[in-house]
């Protein structure tokens, strides 16, 4: 059994797909989990996603100890979208979502997902980097997608498993990594911990 320190239903679904038994280890009301995702000016996207994942793991391990839960490895992950060296996190509002999707329209961007498994004594980490090509998307299509509420809570303002899939002409890399948890890299990390699935 492992703990999953993530609110993402997609990450839970992907762990279920692997057959990994897990329990949620979510931040409490006293924790500002979103603050961990703050971008440092000039930060490289790969460094950013790796740093944020490590910070999430640190916070989750403190949470585990504070709650007195049985010991087990903790899995954390973070995903970011990057284009032109910019980090596109979760949109702040509808205008931000519209601007992000307009920037991605007709262009290639990268999706980076870092994953870490750790305990107070040991940690292992990996990163998955994929390329995604968006076809040109009209302003009306983008607005309908934003109005539907799908962009919120998602890096780059879209989910590959949503209606936005109709805009994706090509991916090179990991579909599950673009969803938020690269299964190949995750499986390798879990095997290193002798987690059976």
C-alpha atoms as a PDB file:
ATOM      1  CA  UNK A   1       0.000   0.000   0.000  1.00  0.00           C
ATOM      2  CA  UNK A   2       1.112   3.561  -0.686  1.00  0.00           C
ATOM      3  CA  UNK A   3      -0.257   6.986   0.160  1.00  0.00           C
ATOM      4  CA  UNK A   4      -1.233   9.310  -2.679  1.00  0.00           C
ATOM      5  CA  UNK A   5      -0.816  12.953  -1.718  1.00  0.00           C
ATOM      6  CA  UNK A   6      -2.956  14.407  -4.501  1.00  0.00           C
ATOM      7  CA  UNK A   7      -6.514  15.644  -4.920  1.00  0.00           C
ATOM      8  CA  UNK A   8      -6.454  14.747  -8.616  1.00  0.00           C
ATOM      9  CA  UNK A   9      -9.090  12.160  -9.534  1.00  0.00           C
ATOM     10  CA  UNK A  10      -7.023  11.436 -12.664  1.00  0.00           C
ATOM     11  CA  UNK A  11      -4.031  10.348 -10.579  1.00  0.00           C
ATOM     12  CA  UNK A  12      -6.256   8.051  -8.513  1.00  0.00           C
ATOM     13  CA  UNK A  13      -7.687   6.600 -11.730  1.00  0.00           C
ATOM     14  CA  UNK A  14      -4.207   6.006 -13.161  1.00  0.00           C
ATOM     15  CA  UNK A  15      -2.997   4.268  -9.991  1.00  0.00           C
ATOM     16  CA  UNK A  16      -6.133   2.099 -10.123  1.00  0.00           C
ATOM     17  CA  UNK A  17      -5.267   1.298 -13.737  1.00  0.00           C
ATOM     18  CA  UNK A  18      -1.892  -0.042 -12.579  1.00  0.00           C
ATOM     19  CA  UNK A  19      -3.551  -1.966  -9.746  1.00  0.00           C
ATOM     20  CA  UNK A  20      -1.717  -0.060  -7.014  1.00  0.00           C
ATOM     21  CA  UNK A  21      -3.471  -0.121  -3.646  1.00  0.00           C
ATOM     22  CA  UNK A  22      -3.418   3.385  -2.244  1.00  0.00           C
ATOM     23  CA  UNK A  23      -4.977   5.678   0.317  1.00  0.00           C
ATOM     24  CA  UNK A  24      -5.303   9.438   0.030  1.00  0.00           C
ATOM     25  CA  UNK A  25      -3.114  11.678   2.179  1.00  0.00           C
ATOM     26  CA  UNK A  26      -4.633  15.084   1.501  1.00  0.00           C
ATOM     27  CA  UNK A  27      -3.667  18.466   2.873  1.00  0.00           C
ATOM     28  CA  UNK A  28      -5.682  19.670   5.828  1.00  0.00           C
ATOM     29  CA  UNK A  29      -7.464  23.020   6.114  1.00  0.00           C
ATOM     30  CA  UNK A  30      -4.423  24.405   7.950  1.00  0.00           C
ATOM     31  CA  UNK A  31      -2.161  23.793   4.932  1.00  0.00           C
ATOM     32  CA  UNK A  32      -1.786  26.081   1.909  1.00  0.00           C
ATOM     33  CA  UNK A  33      -1.116  23.417  -0.713  1.00  0.00           C
ATOM     34  CA  UNK A  34      -1.503  25.887  -3.598  1.00  0.00           C
ATOM     35  CA  UNK A  35       1.362  28.010  -2.228  1.00  0.00           C
ATOM     36  CA  UNK A  36       3.755  25.138  -2.994  1.00  0.00           C
ATOM     37  CA  UNK A  37       3.054  25.671  -6.708  1.00  0.00           C
ATOM     38  CA  UNK A  38       4.169  29.318  -6.784  1.00  0.00           C
ATOM     39  CA  UNK A  39       6.585  30.014  -9.636  1.00  0.00           C
ATOM     40  CA  UNK A  40       9.929  31.629  -8.846  1.00  0.00           C
ATOM     41  CA  UNK A  41      10.786  34.392 -11.335  1.00  0.00           C
ATOM     42  CA  UNK A  42      13.026  33.089 -14.113  1.00  0.00           C
ATOM     43  CA  UNK A  43      12.661  29.473 -13.027  1.00  0.00           C
ATOM     44  CA  UNK A  44      13.250  26.824 -15.693  1.00  0.00           C
ATOM     45  CA  UNK A  45      10.079  24.714 -16.239  1.00  0.00           C
ATOM     46  CA  UNK A  46      11.835  21.382 -15.599  1.00  0.00           C
ATOM     47  CA  UNK A  47      13.406  22.729 -12.411  1.00  0.00           C
ATOM     48  CA  UNK A  48      10.024  24.136 -11.380  1.00  0.00           C
ATOM     49  CA  UNK A  49       8.068  20.887 -11.711  1.00  0.00           C
ATOM     50  CA  UNK A  50      10.817  18.912  -9.952  1.00  0.00           C
ATOM     51  CA  UNK A  51      11.018  21.431  -7.092  1.00  0.00           C
ATOM     52  CA  UNK A  52       7.249  21.558  -6.611  1.00  0.00           C
ATOM     53  CA  UNK A  53       6.979  17.763  -6.528  1.00  0.00           C
ATOM     54  CA  UNK A  54       9.752  17.568  -3.913  1.00  0.00           C
ATOM     55  CA  UNK A  55       8.004  20.262  -1.837  1.00  0.00           C
ATOM     56  CA  UNK A  56       4.705  18.353  -2.046  1.00  0.00           C
ATOM     57  CA  UNK A  57       6.483  15.208  -0.863  1.00  0.00           C
ATOM     58  CA  UNK A  58       8.113  17.068   2.047  1.00  0.00           C
ATOM     59  CA  UNK A  59       4.715  18.437   3.123  1.00  0.00           C
ATOM     60  CA  UNK A  60       3.027  15.037   2.777  1.00  0.00           C
ATOM     61  CA  UNK A  61       5.675  13.306   4.904  1.00  0.00           C
ATOM     62  CA  UNK A  62       5.199  15.883   7.672  1.00  0.00           C
ATOM     63  CA  UNK A  63       1.416  15.327   7.376  1.00  0.00           C
ATOM     64  CA  UNK A  64       1.857  11.552   7.626  1.00  0.00           C
ATOM     65  CA  UNK A  65       3.941  11.830  10.791  1.00  0.00           C
ATOM     66  CA  UNK A  66       1.703  14.482  12.375  1.00  0.00           C
ATOM     67  CA  UNK A  67      -1.400  12.331  11.833  1.00  0.00           C
ATOM     68  CA  UNK A  68       0.292   9.239  13.276  1.00  0.00           C
ATOM     69  CA  UNK A  69      -0.692   7.087  10.310  1.00  0.00           C
ATOM     70  CA  UNK A  70       0.916   3.708   9.554  1.00  0.00           C
ATOM     71  CA  UNK A  71       4.171   4.049   7.673  1.00  0.00           C
ATOM     72  CA  UNK A  72       4.083   3.497   3.913  1.00  0.00           C
ATOM     73  CA  UNK A  73       5.689   5.185   0.903  1.00  0.00           C
ATOM     74  CA  UNK A  74       4.092   8.442  -0.237  1.00  0.00           C
ATOM     75  CA  UNK A  75       3.612   9.309  -3.915  1.00  0.00           C
ATOM     76  CA  UNK A  76       3.439  12.920  -5.106  1.00  0.00           C
ATOM     77  CA  UNK A  77       3.305  14.394  -8.579  1.00  0.00           C
ATOM     78  CA  UNK A  78       3.077  17.728 -10.343  1.00  0.00           C
ATOM     79  CA  UNK A  79       2.353  18.645 -13.961  1.00  0.00           C
ATOM     80  CA  UNK A  80       3.128  21.829 -15.843  1.00  0.00           C
ATOM     81  CA  UNK A  81       2.642  23.011 -19.389  1.00  0.00           C
ATOM     82  CA  UNK A  82       5.362  25.109 -20.978  1.00  0.00           C
ATOM     83  CA  UNK A  83       5.620  27.104 -24.187  1.00  0.00           C
ATOM     84  CA  UNK A  84       8.188  29.734 -25.169  1.00  0.00           C
ATOM     85  CA  UNK A  85       9.934  29.079 -21.848  1.00  0.00           C
ATOM     86  CA  UNK A  86       6.809  30.139 -19.949  1.00  0.00           C
ATOM     87  CA  UNK A  87       5.235  28.011 -17.243  1.00  0.00           C
ATOM     88  CA  UNK A  88       1.472  27.684 -17.676  1.00  0.00           C
ATOM     89  CA  UNK A  89       0.025  26.551 -14.376  1.00  0.00           C
ATOM     90  CA  UNK A  90      -3.613  26.404 -13.379  1.00  0.00           C
ATOM     91  CA  UNK A  91      -5.582  29.365 -14.736  1.00  0.00           C
ATOM     92  CA  UNK A  92      -6.595  31.979 -12.174  1.00  0.00           C
ATOM     93  CA  UNK A  93      -9.873  32.818 -13.928  1.00  0.00           C
ATOM     94  CA  UNK A  94     -11.749  32.534 -17.240  1.00  0.00           C
ATOM     95  CA  UNK A  95      -9.692  35.270 -18.877  1.00  0.00           C
ATOM     96  CA  UNK A  96      -6.460  33.546 -17.902  1.00  0.00           C
ATOM     97  CA  UNK A  97      -7.757  30.212 -19.247  1.00  0.00           C
ATOM     98  CA  UNK A  98      -8.773  31.836 -22.541  1.00  0.00           C
ATOM     99  CA  UNK A  99      -5.333  33.473 -22.879  1.00  0.00           C
ATOM    100  CA  UNK A 100      -3.506  30.192 -22.201  1.00  0.00           C
ATOM    101  CA  UNK A 101      -5.535  28.210 -24.711  1.00  0.00           C
ATOM    102  CA  UNK A 102      -5.156  30.962 -27.310  1.00  0.00           C
ATOM    103  CA  UNK A 103      -1.388  30.800 -26.816  1.00  0.00           C
ATOM    104  CA  UNK A 104      -1.400  27.005 -27.349  1.00  0.00           C
ATOM    105  CA  UNK A 105      -3.651  27.142 -30.441  1.00  0.00           C
ATOM    106  CA  UNK A 106      -1.865  26.035 -33.617  1.00  0.00           C
ATOM    107  CA  UNK A 107       1.418  25.402 -31.793  1.00  0.00           C
ATOM    108  CA  UNK A 108       3.520  22.746 -30.091  1.00  0.00           C
ATOM    109  CA  UNK A 109       3.999  22.842 -26.333  1.00  0.00           C
ATOM    110  CA  UNK A 110       5.611  20.594 -23.752  1.00  0.00           C
ATOM    111  CA  UNK A 111       3.966  18.893 -20.794  1.00  0.00           C
ATOM    112  CA  UNK A 112       6.245  17.986 -17.889  1.00  0.00           C
ATOM    113  CA  UNK A 113       5.155  15.717 -15.074  1.00  0.00           C
ATOM    114  CA  UNK A 114       7.456  14.928 -12.174  1.00  0.00           C
ATOM    115  CA  UNK A 115       6.680  12.067  -9.815  1.00  0.00           C
ATOM    116  CA  UNK A 116       8.335  11.174  -6.507  1.00  0.00           C
ATOM    117  CA  UNK A 117       7.930   8.317  -4.072  1.00  0.00           C
ATOM    118  CA  UNK A 118       9.426   8.712  -0.647  1.00  0.00           C
ATOM    119  CA  UNK A 119       9.609   8.188   3.072  1.00  0.00           C
ATOM    120  CA  UNK A 120      11.496   9.990   5.805  1.00  0.00           C
ATOM    121  CA  UNK A 121      14.554   7.833   5.002  1.00  0.00           C
ATOM    122  CA  UNK A 122      14.536   7.619   1.214  1.00  0.00           C
ATOM    123  CA  UNK A 123      13.101   9.111  -1.947  1.00  0.00           C
ATOM    124  CA  UNK A 124      13.115   8.337  -5.656  1.00  0.00           C
ATOM    125  CA  UNK A 125      11.986  10.688  -8.419  1.00  0.00           C
ATOM    126  CA  UNK A 126      11.515  10.786 -12.179  1.00  0.00           C
ATOM    127  CA  UNK A 127      10.235  13.180 -14.814  1.00  0.00           C
ATOM    128  CA  UNK A 128       8.257  12.650 -18.017  1.00  0.00           C
ATOM    129  CA  UNK A 129       8.436  15.235 -20.796  1.00  0.00           C
ATOM    130  CA  UNK A 130       5.998  15.074 -23.704  1.00  0.00           C
ATOM    131  CA  UNK A 131       5.279  17.258 -26.722  1.00  0.00           C
ATOM    132  CA  UNK A 132       1.725  18.111 -27.718  1.00  0.00           C
ATOM    133  CA  UNK A 133       0.632  19.694 -31.011  1.00  0.00           C
ATOM    134  CA  UNK A 134      -2.555  21.736 -30.962  1.00  0.00           C
ATOM    135  CA  UNK A 135      -4.385  22.423 -34.203  1.00  0.00           C
ATOM    136  CA  UNK A 136      -5.557  25.997 -34.705  1.00  0.00           C
ATOM    137  CA  UNK A 137      -8.597  26.565 -32.469  1.00  0.00           C
ATOM    138  CA  UNK A 138     -11.097  29.370 -33.006  1.00  0.00           C
ATOM    139  CA  UNK A 139     -11.835  31.924 -30.308  1.00  0.00           C
ATOM    140  CA  UNK A 140     -15.446  30.670 -30.227  1.00  0.00           C
ATOM    141  CA  UNK A 141     -14.330  27.066 -29.572  1.00  0.00           C
ATOM    142  CA  UNK A 142     -11.982  28.201 -26.821  1.00  0.00           C
ATOM    143  CA  UNK A 143     -14.714  30.305 -25.221  1.00  0.00           C
ATOM    144  CA  UNK A 144     -17.157  27.360 -25.214  1.00  0.00           C
ATOM    145  CA  UNK A 145     -14.524  25.169 -23.543  1.00  0.00           C
ATOM    146  CA  UNK A 146     -13.800  27.837 -20.922  1.00  0.00           C
ATOM    147  CA  UNK A 147     -17.521  28.421 -20.326  1.00  0.00           C
ATOM    148  CA  UNK A 148     -17.906  24.682 -19.669  1.00  0.00           C
ATOM    149  CA  UNK A 149     -15.525  24.979 -16.704  1.00  0.00           C
ATOM    150  CA  UNK A 150     -13.089  22.313 -17.858  1.00  0.00           C
ATOM    151  CA  UNK A 151      -9.877  24.435 -17.754  1.00  0.00           C
ATOM    152  CA  UNK A 152      -9.957  25.165 -14.045  1.00  0.00           C
ATOM    153  CA  UNK A 153      -7.581  23.258 -11.793  1.00  0.00           C
ATOM    154  CA  UNK A 154      -5.560  22.032 -14.778  1.00  0.00           C
ATOM    155  CA  UNK A 155      -2.077  23.074 -15.870  1.00  0.00           C
ATOM    156  CA  UNK A 156      -2.238  24.838 -19.228  1.00  0.00           C
ATOM    157  CA  UNK A 157      -6.033  25.140 -18.861  1.00  0.00           C
ATOM    158  CA  UNK A 158      -6.889  21.818 -20.529  1.00  0.00           C
ATOM    159  CA  UNK A 159      -7.177  18.090 -19.931  1.00  0.00           C
ATOM    160  CA  UNK A 160      -6.118  15.663 -22.665  1.00  0.00           C
ATOM    161  CA  UNK A 161      -8.972  13.324 -21.722  1.00  0.00           C
ATOM    162  CA  UNK A 162     -11.581  16.082 -22.154  1.00  0.00           C
ATOM    163  CA  UNK A 163     -13.147  17.713 -25.238  1.00  0.00           C
ATOM    164  CA  UNK A 164      -9.777  19.403 -25.816  1.00  0.00           C
ATOM    165  CA  UNK A 165      -8.625  16.057 -27.247  1.00  0.00           C
ATOM    166  CA  UNK A 166     -10.325  17.153 -30.487  1.00  0.00           C
ATOM    167  CA  UNK A 167      -7.678  19.895 -30.814  1.00  0.00           C
ATOM    168  CA  UNK A 168      -4.655  17.622 -30.320  1.00  0.00           C
ATOM    169  CA  UNK A 169      -3.190  16.540 -33.637  1.00  0.00           C
ATOM    170  CA  UNK A 170      -0.107  14.750 -32.251  1.00  0.00           C
ATOM    171  CA  UNK A 171       1.575  13.762 -29.022  1.00  0.00           C
ATOM    172  CA  UNK A 172       5.123  12.529 -28.565  1.00  0.00           C
ATOM    173  CA  UNK A 173       5.705  11.057 -25.147  1.00  0.00           C
ATOM    174  CA  UNK A 174       3.441   9.756 -22.406  1.00  0.00           C
ATOM    175  CA  UNK A 175      -0.342  10.064 -22.625  1.00  0.00           C
ATOM    176  CA  UNK A 176      -0.641   9.240 -18.915  1.00  0.00           C
ATOM    177  CA  UNK A 177       2.098  11.779 -18.162  1.00  0.00           C
ATOM    178  CA  UNK A 178       0.060  14.434 -19.940  1.00  0.00           C
ATOM    179  CA  UNK A 179      -2.946  13.341 -17.838  1.00  0.00           C
ATOM    180  CA  UNK A 180      -0.897  13.898 -14.680  1.00  0.00           C
ATOM    181  CA  UNK A 181       0.891  10.662 -13.717  1.00  0.00           C
ATOM    182  CA  UNK A 182       3.345   8.986 -16.128  1.00  0.00           C
ATOM    183  CA  UNK A 183       2.618   5.292 -15.638  1.00  0.00           C
ATOM    184  CA  UNK A 184       5.905   3.939 -16.979  1.00  0.00           C
ATOM    185  CA  UNK A 185       8.012   6.122 -14.695  1.00  0.00           C
ATOM    186  CA  UNK A 186       5.639   5.572 -11.773  1.00  0.00           C
ATOM    187  CA  UNK A 187       5.814   1.799 -12.198  1.00  0.00           C
ATOM    188  CA  UNK A 188       9.620   1.934 -12.234  1.00  0.00           C
ATOM    189  CA  UNK A 189       9.661   3.950  -9.003  1.00  0.00           C
ATOM    190  CA  UNK A 190       7.185   1.642  -7.289  1.00  0.00           C
ATOM    191  CA  UNK A 191       9.177  -1.450  -8.300  1.00  0.00           C
ATOM    192  CA  UNK A 192      12.249   0.141  -6.709  1.00  0.00           C
ATOM    193  CA  UNK A 193      10.205   0.219  -3.473  1.00  0.00           C
ATOM    194  CA  UNK A 194       9.090  -3.413  -3.965  1.00  0.00           C
ATOM    195  CA  UNK A 195       5.468  -2.293  -4.261  1.00  0.00           C
ATOM    196  CA  UNK A 196       3.437  -5.072  -5.864  1.00  0.00           C
ATOM    197  CA  UNK A 197       0.714  -4.255  -8.371  1.00  0.00           C
END
